[in-house]
Amino acid sequence: MSKLSPTLETQIPITDDAGMISVPDMGWKEQRILIYFDGSLHRDQERFENDQSRMTRLTLAGYRFFRFTRRDLHNLPLVRQLIQEALTQ
């Protein structure tokens, strides 16, 4: 993934006026593009609801984000393509 851009960072704290929103797995803070790798923990109802609230706050703060699962990682060329397209928009 790091070949996508030299500015790729991991574990980036993202905040808004209300405080901490999230710490995504990786992303490009300057381009406001974030990546999350969602495992089975995200199936829990409380986690799901927290994720939805966080994604709403990220959207309102002007971030675009990708949420990938283990299945998505079996198609890395597509993952890379989606991210590259977002970085060039």
PDB file of N, CA and C in Angstrom:
ATOM      1  N   MET A   1       0.809  -1.193   0.000  1.00  0.00           N
ATOM      2  CA  MET A   1       0.000   0.000   0.000  1.00  0.00           C
ATOM      3  C   MET A   1       0.856   1.263   0.000  1.00  0.00           C
ATOM      4  N   SER A   2       2.012   1.212   0.645  1.00  0.00           N
ATOM      5  CA  SER A   2       2.803   2.433   0.769  1.00  0.00           C
ATOM      6  C   SER A   2       3.272   2.958  -0.581  1.00  0.00           C
ATOM      7  N   LYS A   3       3.246   2.133  -1.621  1.00  0.00           N
ATOM      8  CA  LYS A   3       3.619   2.607  -2.950  1.00  0.00           C
ATOM      9  C   LYS A   3       2.565   3.560  -3.515  1.00  0.00           C
ATOM     10  N   LEU A   4       1.376   3.567  -2.915  1.00  0.00           N
ATOM     11  CA  LEU A   4       0.320   4.439  -3.406  1.00  0.00           C
ATOM     12  C   LEU A   4       0.671   5.902  -3.201  1.00  0.00           C
ATOM     13  N   SER A   5       1.364   6.227  -2.138  1.00  0.00           N
ATOM     14  CA  SER A   5       1.691   7.613  -1.851  1.00  0.00           C
ATOM     15  C   SER A   5       2.700   7.670  -0.722  1.00  0.00           C
ATOM     16  N   PRO A   6       3.665   8.557  -0.845  1.00  0.00           N
ATOM     17  CA  PRO A   6       4.652   8.667   0.230  1.00  0.00           C
ATOM     18  C   PRO A   6       4.082   9.269   1.506  1.00  0.00           C
ATOM     19  N   THR A   7       2.890   9.851   1.443  1.00  0.00           N
ATOM     20  CA  THR A   7       2.316  10.481   2.622  1.00  0.00           C
ATOM     21  C   THR A   7       1.384   9.554   3.398  1.00  0.00           C
ATOM     22  N   LEU A   8       1.350   8.264   3.038  1.00  0.00           N
ATOM     23  CA  LEU A   8       0.519   7.305   3.755  1.00  0.00           C
ATOM     24  C   LEU A   8       0.982   7.228   5.203  1.00  0.00           C
ATOM     25  N   GLU A   9       0.018   7.360   6.124  1.00  0.00           N
ATOM     26  CA  GLU A   9       0.312   7.275   7.547  1.00  0.00           C
ATOM     27  C   GLU A   9      -0.535   6.179   8.169  1.00  0.00           C
ATOM     28  N   THR A  10      -0.107   5.672   9.314  1.00  0.00           N
ATOM     29  CA  THR A  10      -0.903   4.694  10.048  1.00  0.00           C
ATOM     30  C   THR A  10      -1.316   5.282  11.387  1.00  0.00           C
ATOM     31  N   GLN A  11      -2.459   4.792  11.881  1.00  0.00           N
ATOM     32  CA  GLN A  11      -2.958   5.182  13.199  1.00  0.00           C
ATOM     33  C   GLN A  11      -3.005   6.702  13.382  1.00  0.00           C
ATOM     34  N   ILE A  12      -3.729   7.379  12.494  1.00  0.00           N
ATOM     35  CA  ILE A  12      -3.814   8.844  12.483  1.00  0.00           C
ATOM     36  C   ILE A  12      -4.972   9.296  13.379  1.00  0.00           C
ATOM     37  N   PRO A  13      -4.718  10.048  14.431  1.00  0.00           N
ATOM     38  CA  PRO A  13      -5.835  10.564  15.229  1.00  0.00           C
ATOM     39  C   PRO A  13      -6.623  11.611  14.428  1.00  0.00           C
ATOM     40  N   ILE A  14      -7.927  11.414  14.308  1.00  0.00           N
ATOM     41  CA  ILE A  14      -8.788  12.340  13.578  1.00  0.00           C
ATOM     42  C   ILE A  14      -9.755  12.979  14.577  1.00  0.00           C
ATOM     43  N   THR A  15      -9.788  14.300  14.581  1.00  0.00           N
ATOM     44  CA  THR A  15     -10.640  15.027  15.516  1.00  0.00           C
ATOM     45  C   THR A  15     -11.537  16.011  14.773  1.00  0.00           C
ATOM     46  N   ASP A  16     -12.567  16.466  15.476  1.00  0.00           N
ATOM     47  CA  ASP A  16     -13.387  17.569  15.001  1.00  0.00           C
ATOM     48  C   ASP A  16     -13.602  18.504  16.193  1.00  0.00           C
ATOM     49  N   ASP A  17     -14.472  19.472  16.063  1.00  0.00           N
ATOM     50  CA  ASP A  17     -14.700  20.430  17.144  1.00  0.00           C
ATOM     51  C   ASP A  17     -15.197  19.764  18.425  1.00  0.00           C
ATOM     52  N   ALA A  18     -15.837  18.607  18.299  1.00  0.00           N
ATOM     53  CA  ALA A  18     -16.357  17.896  19.468  1.00  0.00           C
ATOM     54  C   ALA A  18     -15.317  16.991  20.124  1.00  0.00           C
ATOM     55  N   GLY A  19     -14.164  16.827  19.474  1.00  0.00           N
ATOM     56  CA  GLY A  19     -13.112  15.981  20.043  1.00  0.00           C
ATOM     57  C   GLY A  19     -12.703  14.860  19.115  1.00  0.00           C
ATOM     58  N   MET A  20     -12.186  13.787  19.715  1.00  0.00           N
ATOM     59  CA  MET A  20     -11.676  12.645  18.955  1.00  0.00           C
ATOM     60  C   MET A  20     -12.820  11.944  18.225  1.00  0.00           C
ATOM     61  N   ILE A  21     -12.602  11.718  16.933  1.00  0.00           N
ATOM     62  CA  ILE A  21     -13.578  10.949  16.146  1.00  0.00           C
ATOM     63  C   ILE A  21     -13.107   9.510  16.045  1.00  0.00           C
ATOM     64  N   SER A  22     -11.848   9.332  15.625  1.00  0.00           N
ATOM     65  CA  SER A  22     -11.406   7.994  15.275  1.00  0.00           C
ATOM     66  C   SER A  22      -9.902   7.954  15.102  1.00  0.00           C
ATOM     67  N   VAL A  23      -9.369   6.734  15.114  1.00  0.00           N
ATOM     68  CA  VAL A  23      -7.969   6.493  14.748  1.00  0.00           C
ATOM     69  C   VAL A  23      -8.001   5.396  13.688  1.00  0.00           C
ATOM     70  N   PRO A  24      -8.070   5.793  12.411  1.00  0.00           N
ATOM     71  CA  PRO A  24      -8.143   4.790  11.348  1.00  0.00           C
ATOM     72  C   PRO A  24      -6.855   3.982  11.252  1.00  0.00           C
ATOM     73  N   ASP A  25      -6.955   2.839  10.597  1.00  0.00           N
ATOM     74  CA  ASP A  25      -5.788   1.985  10.437  1.00  0.00           C
ATOM     75  C   ASP A  25      -4.702   2.661   9.620  1.00  0.00           C
ATOM     76  N   MET A  26      -5.107   3.380   8.604  1.00  0.00           N
ATOM     77  CA  MET A  26      -4.145   4.121   7.785  1.00  0.00           C
ATOM     78  C   MET A  26      -4.887   5.151   6.962  1.00  0.00           C
ATOM     79  N   GLY A  27      -4.127   6.031   6.340  1.00  0.00           N
ATOM     80  CA  GLY A  27      -4.770   7.021   5.488  1.00  0.00           C
ATOM     81  C   GLY A  27      -3.837   8.130   5.071  1.00  0.00           C
ATOM     82  N   TRP A  28      -4.432   9.073   4.384  1.00  0.00           N
ATOM     83  CA  TRP A  28      -3.735  10.248   3.881  1.00  0.00           C
ATOM     84  C   TRP A  28      -4.462  11.457   4.451  1.00  0.00           C
ATOM     85  N   LYS A  29      -3.941  11.989   5.545  1.00  0.00           N
ATOM     86  CA  LYS A  29      -4.652  13.046   6.261  1.00  0.00           C
ATOM     87  C   LYS A  29      -4.816  14.291   5.391  1.00  0.00           C
ATOM     88  N   GLU A  30      -3.776  14.670   4.666  1.00  0.00           N
ATOM     89  CA  GLU A  30      -3.850  15.872   3.825  1.00  0.00           C
ATOM     90  C   GLU A  30      -4.934  15.741   2.763  1.00  0.00           C
ATOM     91  N   GLN A  31      -5.062  14.552   2.175  1.00  0.00           N
ATOM     92  CA  GLN A  31      -6.085  14.313   1.153  1.00  0.00           C
ATOM     93  C   GLN A  31      -7.430  13.940   1.779  1.00  0.00           C
ATOM     94  N   ARG A  32      -7.451  13.758   3.097  1.00  0.00           N
ATOM     95  CA  ARG A  32      -8.668  13.436   3.853  1.00  0.00           C
ATOM     96  C   ARG A  32      -9.289  12.109   3.401  1.00  0.00           C
ATOM     97  N   ILE A  33      -8.420  11.110   3.192  1.00  0.00           N
ATOM     98  CA  ILE A  33      -8.845   9.771   2.806  1.00  0.00           C
ATOM     99  C   ILE A  33      -8.344   8.799   3.871  1.00  0.00           C
ATOM    100  N   LEU A  34      -9.271   8.009   4.409  1.00  0.00           N
ATOM    101  CA  LEU A  34      -8.953   7.102   5.505  1.00  0.00           C
ATOM    102  C   LEU A  34      -9.310   5.669   5.151  1.00  0.00           C
ATOM    103  N   ILE A  35      -8.579   4.728   5.748  1.00  0.00           N
ATOM    104  CA  ILE A  35      -8.813   3.306   5.501  1.00  0.00           C
ATOM    105  C   ILE A  35      -9.002   2.587   6.833  1.00  0.00           C
ATOM    106  N   TYR A  36     -10.040   1.759   6.866  1.00  0.00           N
ATOM    107  CA  TYR A  36     -10.321   0.919   8.021  1.00  0.00           C
ATOM    108  C   TYR A  36     -10.362  -0.532   7.566  1.00  0.00           C
ATOM    109  N   PHE A  37      -9.756  -1.412   8.333  1.00  0.00           N
ATOM    110  CA  PHE A  37      -9.854  -2.849   8.100  1.00  0.00           C
ATOM    111  C   PHE A  37     -10.772  -3.400   9.187  1.00  0.00           C
ATOM    112  N   ASP A  38     -11.977  -3.773   8.801  1.00  0.00           N
ATOM    113  CA  ASP A  38     -12.988  -4.229   9.751  1.00  0.00           C
ATOM    114  C   ASP A  38     -12.971  -5.744   9.893  1.00  0.00           C
ATOM    115  N   GLY A  39     -12.682  -6.204  11.078  1.00  0.00           N
ATOM    116  CA  GLY A  39     -12.721  -7.625  11.378  1.00  0.00           C
ATOM    117  C   GLY A  39     -14.063  -8.027  11.956  1.00  0.00           C
ATOM    118  N   SER A  40     -14.128  -9.230  12.475  1.00  0.00           N
ATOM    119  CA  SER A  40     -15.388  -9.774  12.985  1.00  0.00           C
ATOM    120  C   SER A  40     -15.921  -9.003  14.194  1.00  0.00           C
ATOM    121  N   LEU A  41     -15.081  -8.262  14.891  1.00  0.00           N
ATOM    122  CA  LEU A  41     -15.548  -7.464  16.029  1.00  0.00           C
ATOM    123  C   LEU A  41     -16.603  -6.441  15.619  1.00  0.00           C
ATOM    124  N   HIS A  42     -16.596  -6.049  14.374  1.00  0.00           N
ATOM    125  CA  HIS A  42     -17.515  -5.011  13.897  1.00  0.00           C
ATOM    126  C   HIS A  42     -18.919  -5.547  13.615  1.00  0.00           C
ATOM    127  N   ARG A  43     -19.148  -6.835  13.885  1.00  0.00           N
ATOM    128  CA  ARG A  43     -20.482  -7.412  13.714  1.00  0.00           C
ATOM    129  C   ARG A  43     -21.366  -7.193  14.937  1.00  0.00           C
ATOM    130  N   ASP A  44     -20.757  -6.918  16.046  1.00  0.00           N
ATOM    131  CA  ASP A  44     -21.476  -6.671  17.301  1.00  0.00           C
ATOM    132  C   ASP A  44     -22.354  -5.426  17.146  1.00  0.00           C
ATOM    133  N   GLN A  45     -23.581  -5.454  17.657  1.00  0.00           N
ATOM    134  CA  GLN A  45     -24.526  -4.350  17.470  1.00  0.00           C
ATOM    135  C   GLN A  45     -23.999  -3.032  18.011  1.00  0.00           C
ATOM    136  N   GLU A  46     -23.431  -3.029  19.198  1.00  0.00           N
ATOM    137  CA  GLU A  46     -22.911  -1.778  19.769  1.00  0.00           C
ATOM    138  C   GLU A  46     -21.764  -1.224  18.926  1.00  0.00           C
ATOM    139  N   ARG A  47     -20.859  -2.093  18.505  1.00  0.00           N
ATOM    140  CA  ARG A  47     -19.737  -1.662  17.662  1.00  0.00           C
ATOM    141  C   ARG A  47     -20.255  -1.119  16.345  1.00  0.00           C
ATOM    142  N   PHE A  48     -21.244  -1.806  15.758  1.00  0.00           N
ATOM    143  CA  PHE A  48     -21.842  -1.361  14.500  1.00  0.00           C
ATOM    144  C   PHE A  48     -22.415   0.051  14.649  1.00  0.00           C
ATOM    145  N   GLU A  49     -23.167   0.287  15.720  1.00  0.00           N
ATOM    146  CA  GLU A  49     -23.760   1.607  15.932  1.00  0.00           C
ATOM    147  C   GLU A  49     -22.689   2.668  16.166  1.00  0.00           C
ATOM    148  N   ASN A  50     -21.659   2.333  16.925  1.00  0.00           N
ATOM    149  CA  ASN A  50     -20.548   3.280  17.122  1.00  0.00           C
ATOM    150  C   ASN A  50     -19.854   3.590  15.804  1.00  0.00           C
ATOM    151  N   ASP A  51     -19.644   2.556  14.985  1.00  0.00           N
ATOM    152  CA  ASP A  51     -19.020   2.755  13.670  1.00  0.00           C
ATOM    153  C   ASP A  51     -19.855   3.698  12.820  1.00  0.00           C
ATOM    154  N   GLN A  52     -21.177   3.515  12.829  1.00  0.00           N
ATOM    155  CA  GLN A  52     -22.049   4.364  12.019  1.00  0.00           C
ATOM    156  C   GLN A  52     -21.971   5.822  12.468  1.00  0.00           C
ATOM    157  N   SER A  53     -21.978   6.050  13.757  1.00  0.00           N
ATOM    158  CA  SER A  53     -21.858   7.419  14.284  1.00  0.00           C
ATOM    159  C   SER A  53     -20.527   8.038  13.889  1.00  0.00           C
ATOM    160  N   ARG A  54     -19.478   7.244  14.004  1.00  0.00           N
ATOM    161  CA  ARG A  54     -18.138   7.738  13.648  1.00  0.00           C
ATOM    162  C   ARG A  54     -18.065   8.080  12.162  1.00  0.00           C
ATOM    163  N   MET A  55     -18.641   7.241  11.321  1.00  0.00           N
ATOM    164  CA  MET A  55     -18.596   7.494   9.879  1.00  0.00           C
ATOM    165  C   MET A  55     -19.381   8.762   9.520  1.00  0.00           C
ATOM    166  N   THR A  56     -20.475   9.002  10.210  1.00  0.00           N
ATOM    167  CA  THR A  56     -21.240  10.234   9.984  1.00  0.00           C
ATOM    168  C   THR A  56     -20.401  11.451  10.349  1.00  0.00           C
ATOM    169  N   ARG A  57     -19.736  11.406  11.497  1.00  0.00           N
ATOM    170  CA  ARG A  57     -18.885  12.527  11.914  1.00  0.00           C
ATOM    171  C   ARG A  57     -17.725  12.733  10.943  1.00  0.00           C
ATOM    172  N   LEU A  58     -17.149  11.650  10.460  1.00  0.00           N
ATOM    173  CA  LEU A  58     -16.052  11.776   9.485  1.00  0.00           C
ATOM    174  C   LEU A  58     -16.546  12.434   8.199  1.00  0.00           C
ATOM    175  N   THR A  59     -17.711  12.017   7.736  1.00  0.00           N
ATOM    176  CA  THR A  59     -18.275  12.603   6.520  1.00  0.00           C
ATOM    177  C   THR A  59     -18.520  14.094   6.714  1.00  0.00           C
ATOM    178  N   LEU A  60     -19.117  14.467   7.839  1.00  0.00           N
ATOM    179  CA  LEU A  60     -19.380  15.877   8.119  1.00  0.00           C
ATOM    180  C   LEU A  60     -18.093  16.688   8.245  1.00  0.00           C
ATOM    181  N   ALA A  61     -17.012  16.031   8.671  1.00  0.00           N
ATOM    182  CA  ALA A  61     -15.713  16.705   8.793  1.00  0.00           C
ATOM    183  C   ALA A  61     -14.961  16.744   7.467  1.00  0.00           C
ATOM    184  N   GLY A  62     -15.572  16.192   6.404  1.00  0.00           N
ATOM    185  CA  GLY A  62     -14.963  16.277   5.080  1.00  0.00           C
ATOM    186  C   GLY A  62     -14.036  15.143   4.709  1.00  0.00           C
ATOM    187  N   TYR A  63     -14.108  14.025   5.427  1.00  0.00           N
ATOM    188  CA  TYR A  63     -13.255  12.870   5.113  1.00  0.00           C
ATOM    189  C   TYR A  63     -13.986  11.884   4.226  1.00  0.00           C
ATOM    190  N   ARG A  64     -13.209  11.239   3.371  1.00  0.00           N
ATOM    191  CA  ARG A  64     -13.702  10.085   2.618  1.00  0.00           C
ATOM    192  C   ARG A  64     -13.017   8.875   3.231  1.00  0.00           C
ATOM    193  N   PHE A  65     -13.709   7.749   3.260  1.00  0.00           N
ATOM    194  CA  PHE A  65     -13.103   6.591   3.906  1.00  0.00           C
ATOM    195  C   PHE A  65     -13.502   5.315   3.194  1.00  0.00           C
ATOM    196  N   PHE A  66     -12.643   4.333   3.357  1.00  0.00           N
ATOM    197  CA  PHE A  66     -12.875   2.987   2.854  1.00  0.00           C
ATOM    198  C   PHE A  66     -12.902   2.061   4.045  1.00  0.00           C
ATOM    199  N   ARG A  67     -13.834   1.133   4.037  1.00  0.00           N
ATOM    200  CA  ARG A  67     -13.897   0.090   5.060  1.00  0.00           C
ATOM    201  C   ARG A  67     -13.745  -1.242   4.328  1.00  0.00           C
ATOM    202  N   PHE A  68     -12.638  -1.910   4.592  1.00  0.00           N
ATOM    203  CA  PHE A  68     -12.352  -3.186   3.936  1.00  0.00           C
ATOM    204  C   PHE A  68     -12.479  -4.329   4.928  1.00  0.00           C
ATOM    205  N   THR A  69     -12.893  -5.470   4.426  1.00  0.00           N
ATOM    206  CA  THR A  69     -12.973  -6.682   5.223  1.00  0.00           C
ATOM    207  C   THR A  69     -11.926  -7.672   4.743  1.00  0.00           C
ATOM    208  N   ARG A  70     -11.827  -8.763   5.446  1.00  0.00           N
ATOM    209  CA  ARG A  70     -10.865  -9.805   5.069  1.00  0.00           C
ATOM    210  C   ARG A  70     -11.107 -10.262   3.629  1.00  0.00           C
ATOM    211  N   ARG A  71     -12.362 -10.374   3.236  1.00  0.00           N
ATOM    212  CA  ARG A  71     -12.684 -10.798   1.875  1.00  0.00           C
ATOM    213  C   ARG A  71     -12.149  -9.797   0.850  1.00  0.00           C
ATOM    214  N   ASP A  72     -12.266  -8.508   1.150  1.00  0.00           N
ATOM    215  CA  ASP A  72     -11.756  -7.480   0.235  1.00  0.00           C
ATOM    216  C   ASP A  72     -10.260  -7.645  -0.002  1.00  0.00           C
ATOM    217  N   LEU A  73      -9.550  -8.063   1.029  1.00  0.00           N
ATOM    218  CA  LEU A  73      -8.095  -8.171   0.913  1.00  0.00           C
ATOM    219  C   LEU A  73      -7.650  -9.324   0.019  1.00  0.00           C
ATOM    220  N   HIS A  74      -8.604 -10.170  -0.385  1.00  0.00           N
ATOM    221  CA  HIS A  74      -8.282 -11.220  -1.353  1.00  0.00           C
ATOM    222  C   HIS A  74      -8.231 -10.664  -2.770  1.00  0.00           C
ATOM    223  N   ASN A  75      -8.644  -9.404  -2.935  1.00  0.00           N
ATOM    224  CA  ASN A  75      -8.601  -8.752  -4.247  1.00  0.00           C
ATOM    225  C   ASN A  75      -7.828  -7.437  -4.113  1.00  0.00           C
ATOM    226  N   LEU A  76      -6.552  -7.544  -3.781  1.00  0.00           N
ATOM    227  CA  LEU A  76      -5.733  -6.346  -3.566  1.00  0.00           C
ATOM    228  C   LEU A  76      -5.642  -5.439  -4.788  1.00  0.00           C
ATOM    229  N   PRO A  77      -5.627  -5.969  -6.018  1.00  0.00           N
ATOM    230  CA  PRO A  77      -5.610  -5.047  -7.157  1.00  0.00           C
ATOM    231  C   PRO A  77      -6.823  -4.102  -7.164  1.00  0.00           C
ATOM    232  N   LEU A  78      -7.998  -4.607  -6.805  1.00  0.00           N
ATOM    233  CA  LEU A  78      -9.187  -3.756  -6.765  1.00  0.00           C
ATOM    234  C   LEU A  78      -9.076  -2.747  -5.613  1.00  0.00           C
ATOM    235  N   VAL A  79      -8.620  -3.189  -4.460  1.00  0.00           N
ATOM    236  CA  VAL A  79      -8.432  -2.286  -3.318  1.00  0.00           C
ATOM    237  C   VAL A  79      -7.498  -1.152  -3.714  1.00  0.00           C
ATOM    238  N   ARG A  80      -6.383  -1.505  -4.323  1.00  0.00           N
ATOM    239  CA  ARG A  80      -5.403  -0.503  -4.753  1.00  0.00           C
ATOM    240  C   ARG A  80      -6.018   0.458  -5.774  1.00  0.00           C
ATOM    241  N   GLN A  81      -6.774  -0.067  -6.723  1.00  0.00           N
ATOM    242  CA  GLN A  81      -7.402   0.766  -7.746  1.00  0.00           C
ATOM    243  C   GLN A  81      -8.379   1.763  -7.130  1.00  0.00           C
ATOM    244  N   LEU A  82      -9.207   1.300  -6.208  1.00  0.00           N
ATOM    245  CA  LEU A  82     -10.179   2.192  -5.559  1.00  0.00           C
ATOM    246  C   LEU A  82      -9.477   3.324  -4.826  1.00  0.00           C
ATOM    247  N   ILE A  83      -8.422   2.986  -4.126  1.00  0.00           N
ATOM    248  CA  ILE A  83      -7.692   4.011  -3.368  1.00  0.00           C
ATOM    249  C   ILE A  83      -6.977   4.971  -4.309  1.00  0.00           C
ATOM    250  N   GLN A  84      -6.358   4.446  -5.353  1.00  0.00           N
ATOM    251  CA  GLN A  84      -5.681   5.325  -6.309  1.00  0.00           C
ATOM    252  C   GLN A  84      -6.662   6.300  -6.958  1.00  0.00           C
ATOM    253  N   GLU A  85      -7.844   5.808  -7.294  1.00  0.00           N
ATOM    254  CA  GLU A  85      -8.852   6.698  -7.884  1.00  0.00           C
ATOM    255  C   GLU A  85      -9.243   7.800  -6.910  1.00  0.00           C
ATOM    256  N   ALA A  86      -9.405   7.461  -5.653  1.00  0.00           N
ATOM    257  CA  ALA A  86      -9.771   8.469  -4.654  1.00  0.00           C
ATOM    258  C   ALA A  86      -8.651   9.495  -4.488  1.00  0.00           C
ATOM    259  N   LEU A  87      -7.403   9.036  -4.527  1.00  0.00           N
ATOM    260  CA  LEU A  87      -6.279   9.956  -4.356  1.00  0.00           C
ATOM    261  C   LEU A  87      -6.114  10.915  -5.526  1.00  0.00           C
ATOM    262  N   THR A  88      -6.590  10.523  -6.697  1.00  0.00           N
ATOM    263  CA  THR A  88      -6.425  11.382  -7.872  1.00  0.00           C
ATOM    264  C   THR A  88      -7.632  12.280  -8.130  1.00  0.00           C
ATOM    265  N   GLN A  89      -8.661  12.171  -7.322  1.00  0.00           N
ATOM    266  CA  GLN A  89      -9.857  13.025  -7.507  1.00  0.00           C
ATOM    267  C   GLN A  89      -9.637  14.390  -6.907  1.00  0.00           C
TER     268      GLN A  89
END
